[in-house]
């Protein structure tokens, strides 16, 4: 079985090698903004459920009473 190191054991080395806490925090903010932008772009390309529902319905004629 493979043993993995805990994040708490690895984090100090990563922070030290990357330039400090502020650099790690900035990288996290940048990464999260990238993910958020990607998700918004994906949602913008997909039609919403209401649009799909209306598009799939057959046209209905109006009854005049």
Protein backbone atom coordinates (compact mmCIF):
# COMPACT_ATOMS: atom_id res chain seq x y z
CA UNK A 1 0.00 0.00 0.00
CA UNK A 2 1.23 3.48 -0.84
CA UNK A 3 1.55 5.92 1.99
CA UNK A 4 0.89 9.58 1.38
CA UNK A 5 2.18 12.48 3.41
CA UNK A 6 -0.37 14.68 5.10
CA UNK A 7 -0.98 18.17 3.76
CA UNK A 8 0.08 19.64 7.10
CA UNK A 9 3.47 17.95 6.65
CA UNK A 10 3.95 19.22 3.08
CA UNK A 11 2.48 22.72 3.28
CA UNK A 12 5.39 24.37 5.10
CA UNK A 13 7.83 23.29 2.37
CA UNK A 14 5.50 24.51 -0.39
CA UNK A 15 5.02 27.90 1.29
CA UNK A 16 8.76 28.31 1.85
CA UNK A 17 9.63 27.36 -1.75
CA UNK A 18 6.96 29.55 -3.34
CA UNK A 19 7.78 32.81 -1.58
CA UNK A 20 5.64 32.95 1.54
CA UNK A 21 2.07 33.01 2.72
CA UNK A 22 1.07 36.04 0.63
CA UNK A 23 2.25 34.35 -2.57
CA UNK A 24 0.29 31.20 -1.74
CA UNK A 25 -2.82 33.27 -0.94
CA UNK A 26 -2.47 35.21 -4.22
CA UNK A 27 -2.11 31.97 -6.18
CA UNK A 28 -5.23 30.60 -4.50
CA UNK A 29 -7.22 33.76 -5.36
CA UNK A 30 -6.03 33.64 -8.98
CA UNK A 31 -6.86 29.94 -9.28
CA UNK A 32 -10.33 30.43 -7.79
CA UNK A 33 -11.04 33.36 -10.14
CA UNK A 34 -10.01 31.19 -13.10
CA UNK A 35 -12.35 28.40 -11.99
CA UNK A 36 -15.23 30.83 -11.42
CA UNK A 37 -14.74 32.40 -14.86
CA UNK A 38 -14.61 28.99 -16.52
CA UNK A 39 -17.82 27.88 -14.79
CA UNK A 40 -19.62 31.09 -15.82
CA UNK A 41 -18.51 30.62 -19.42
CA UNK A 42 -19.73 27.01 -19.41
CA UNK A 43 -23.12 28.05 -18.05
CA UNK A 44 -23.43 30.84 -20.61
CA UNK A 45 -22.99 28.36 -23.46
CA UNK A 46 -25.68 25.97 -22.23
CA UNK A 47 -29.33 26.85 -22.71
CA UNK A 48 -31.31 26.98 -19.50
CA UNK A 49 -33.91 24.38 -18.53
CA UNK A 50 -36.80 26.70 -19.41
CA UNK A 51 -35.43 27.23 -22.92
CA UNK A 52 -35.04 23.50 -23.44
CA UNK A 53 -38.55 22.85 -22.16
CA UNK A 54 -40.14 25.45 -24.44
CA UNK A 55 -38.11 24.36 -27.46
CA UNK A 56 -39.13 20.71 -27.00
CA UNK A 57 -42.87 21.40 -26.77
CA UNK A 58 -44.93 21.09 -29.96
CA UNK A 59 -46.59 24.31 -31.12
CA UNK A 60 -50.12 24.75 -29.78
CA UNK A 61 -52.95 26.33 -31.65
CA UNK A 62 -55.26 28.71 -29.88
CA UNK A 63 -58.90 27.83 -29.54
CA UNK A 64 -61.23 30.67 -30.14
CA UNK A 65 -64.33 30.39 -28.03
